C-alpha atoms as a PDB file:
ATOM      1  CA  LEU A   1     330.465 117.326  33.800  1.00  0.00           C
ATOM      2  CA  GLU A   2     326.947 117.534  35.388  1.00  0.00           C
ATOM      3  CA  LEU A   3     327.097 119.542  39.126  1.00  0.00           C
ATOM      4  CA  ARG A   4     324.522 117.517  41.169  1.00  0.00           C
ATOM      5  CA  ARG A   5     322.914 117.687  44.559  1.00  0.00           C
ATOM      6  CA  MET A   6     325.197 119.787  46.528  1.00  0.00           C
ATOM      7  CA  SER A   7     324.443 121.270  49.513  1.00  0.00           C
ATOM      8  CA  VAL A   8     325.217 122.697  52.596  1.00  0.00           C
ATOM      9  CA  SER A   9     324.024 121.922  55.978  1.00  0.00           C
ATOM     10  CA  ARG A  10     322.070 124.755  58.060  1.00  0.00           C
ATOM     11  CA  GLU A  11     324.446 125.384  59.974  1.00  0.00           C
ATOM     12  CA  GLN A  12     327.588 126.327  57.797  1.00  0.00           C
ATOM     13  CA  ARG A  13     325.856 128.654  55.905  1.00  0.00           C
ATOM     14  CA  GLY A  14     326.752 131.919  55.285  1.00  0.00           C
ATOM     15  CA  ARG A  15     330.364 130.951  55.619  1.00  0.00           C
ATOM     16  CA  GLY A  16     330.900 130.770  51.688  1.00  0.00           C
ATOM     17  CA  LEU A  17     331.511 126.812  51.791  1.00  0.00           C
ATOM     18  CA  ALA A  18     328.866 126.821  49.177  1.00  0.00           C
ATOM     19  CA  ARG A  19     330.654 129.238  46.663  1.00  0.00           C
ATOM     20  CA  ALA A  20     333.938 127.416  47.228  1.00  0.00           C
ATOM     21  CA  LEU A  21     333.387 123.942  46.495  1.00  0.00           C
ATOM     22  CA  CYS A  22     331.402 125.869  43.698  1.00  0.00           C
ATOM     23  CA  ARG A  23     334.207 127.106  41.927  1.00  0.00           C
ATOM     24  CA  GLU A  24     336.468 123.835  43.239  1.00  0.00           C
ATOM     25  CA  VAL A  25     333.979 121.771  40.787  1.00  0.00           C
ATOM     26  CA  LEU A  26     334.380 124.799  38.191  1.00  0.00           C
ATOM     27  CA  SER A  27     338.527 124.692  38.505  1.00  0.00           C
ATOM     28  CA  PHE A  28     338.530 120.481  38.777  1.00  0.00           C
ATOM     29  CA  ALA A  29     336.222 120.581  35.079  1.00  0.00           C
ATOM     30  CA  ARG A  30     338.657 123.157  33.825  1.00  0.00           C
ATOM     31  CA  ALA A  31     341.976 120.924  34.870  1.00  0.00           C
ATOM     32  CA  ARG A  32     340.870 117.780  32.865  1.00  0.00           C
ATOM     33  CA  GLY A  33     339.447 119.501  30.072  1.00  0.00           C
ATOM     34  CA  PHE A  34     335.911 119.878  30.690  1.00  0.00           C
ATOM     35  CA  GLY A  35     334.077 122.448  28.695  1.00  0.00           C
ATOM     36  CA  THR A  36     330.350 123.397  30.355  1.00  0.00           C
ATOM     37  CA  VAL A  37     328.872 122.716  33.527  1.00  0.00           C
ATOM     38  CA  VAL A  38     325.733 121.828  33.366  1.00  0.00           C
ATOM     39  CA  LEU A  39     323.179 121.539  36.970  1.00  0.00           C
ATOM     40  CA  TYR A  40     319.574 121.890  37.619  1.00  0.00           C
ATOM     41  CA  THR A  41     317.941 123.883  40.832  1.00  0.00           C
ATOM     42  CA  SER A  42     314.256 123.991  41.137  1.00  0.00           C
ATOM     43  CA  MET A  43     312.121 127.715  41.819  1.00  0.00           C
ATOM     44  CA  VAL A  44     312.166 127.316  45.490  1.00  0.00           C
ATOM     45  CA  GLN A  45     315.901 127.010  45.484  1.00  0.00           C
ATOM     46  CA  VAL A  46     316.356 130.708  45.008  1.00  0.00           C
ATOM     47  CA  ALA A  47     319.738 130.921  47.186  1.00  0.00           C
ATOM     48  CA  ALA A  48     321.369 128.734  44.840  1.00  0.00           C
ATOM     49  CA  GLN A  49     319.787 129.868  41.750  1.00  0.00           C
ATOM     50  CA  ARG A  50     321.830 133.386  42.914  1.00  0.00           C
ATOM     51  CA  LEU A  51     325.428 131.424  43.979  1.00  0.00           C
ATOM     52  CA  TYR A  52     325.188 129.987  40.357  1.00  0.00           C
ATOM     53  CA  GLU A  53     323.989 132.601  38.595  1.00  0.00           C
ATOM     54  CA  GLY A  54     327.492 134.363  41.191  1.00  0.00           C
ATOM     55  CA  GLN A  55     329.335 131.823  39.677  1.00  0.00           C
ATOM     56  CA  GLY A  56     329.287 132.321  35.666  1.00  0.00           C
ATOM     57  CA  PHE A  57     326.712 129.795  35.241  1.00  0.00           C
ATOM     58  CA  ARG A  58     323.301 130.845  33.288  1.00  0.00           C
ATOM     59  CA  LYS A  59     319.689 129.806  32.999  1.00  0.00           C
ATOM     60  CA  VAL A  60     318.861 128.019  29.755  1.00  0.00           C
ATOM     61  CA  GLY A  61     315.997 126.131  29.949  1.00  0.00           C
ATOM     62  CA  THR A  62     313.258 124.975  32.412  1.00  0.00           C
ATOM     63  CA  SER A  63     311.134 121.526  32.560  1.00  0.00           C
ATOM     64  CA  SER A  64     308.378 120.658  34.877  1.00  0.00           C
ATOM     65  CA  PRO A  65     309.363 117.416  36.772  1.00  0.00           C
ATOM     66  CA  SER A  66     305.590 115.484  36.390  1.00  0.00           C
ATOM     67  CA  LEU A  67     302.509 115.949  35.199  1.00  0.00           C
ATOM     68  CA  LEU A  68     300.753 117.253  38.808  1.00  0.00           C
ATOM     69  CA  GLY A  69     304.805 119.660  38.248  1.00  0.00           C
ATOM     70  CA  THR A  70     302.972 121.188  35.212  1.00  0.00           C
ATOM     71  CA  ILE A  71     299.173 122.005  37.064  1.00  0.00           C
ATOM     72  CA  LEU A  72     301.389 123.686  39.370  1.00  0.00           C
ATOM     73  CA  HIS A  73     303.521 125.171  37.657  1.00  0.00           C
ATOM     74  CA  PHE A  74     306.410 123.920  38.934  1.00  0.00           C
ATOM     75  CA  GLN A  75     309.354 124.408  37.260  1.00  0.00           C
ATOM     76  CA  ILE A  76     312.977 123.307  37.599  1.00  0.00           C
ATOM     77  CA  PHE A  77     315.735 125.364  35.782  1.00  0.00           C
ATOM     78  CA  HIS A  78     318.864 124.233  33.212  1.00  0.00           C
ATOM     79  CA  TYR A  79     321.720 126.051  34.114  1.00  0.00           C
ATOM     80  CA  ARG A  80     324.629 125.662  31.930  1.00  0.00           C
ATOM     81  CA  CYS A  81     328.899 127.160  33.063  1.00  0.00           C
ATOM     82  CA  ASP A  82     331.202 127.583  29.878  1.00  0.00           C
ATOM     83  CA  LEU A  83     334.019 127.198  30.697  1.00  0.00           C
ATOM     84  CA  GLY A  84     336.061 128.399  28.515  1.00  0.00           C
ATOM     85  CA  ALA A  85     333.927 131.760  28.596  1.00  0.00           C
ATOM     86  CA  ARG A  86     335.350 132.838  31.686  1.00  0.00           C
END
């Protein structure tokens, strides 16, 4: 299962909503028999990286979105959460 475009408005941040949404996605995936949840986030989204790592995701790779991204050393981080491990 791929988690895509999760976002909480600036006004609502700091209330645990993103953490709750992430837990709900993992619960949803487990209940439906998925073994893994994957997602991608950029190197500048440090708060998102901390959130995902705190929910059991681990960084499994990196990529660059374009030639310009490569030149600028901009990276996309690949994350994975194996549901059987939690």
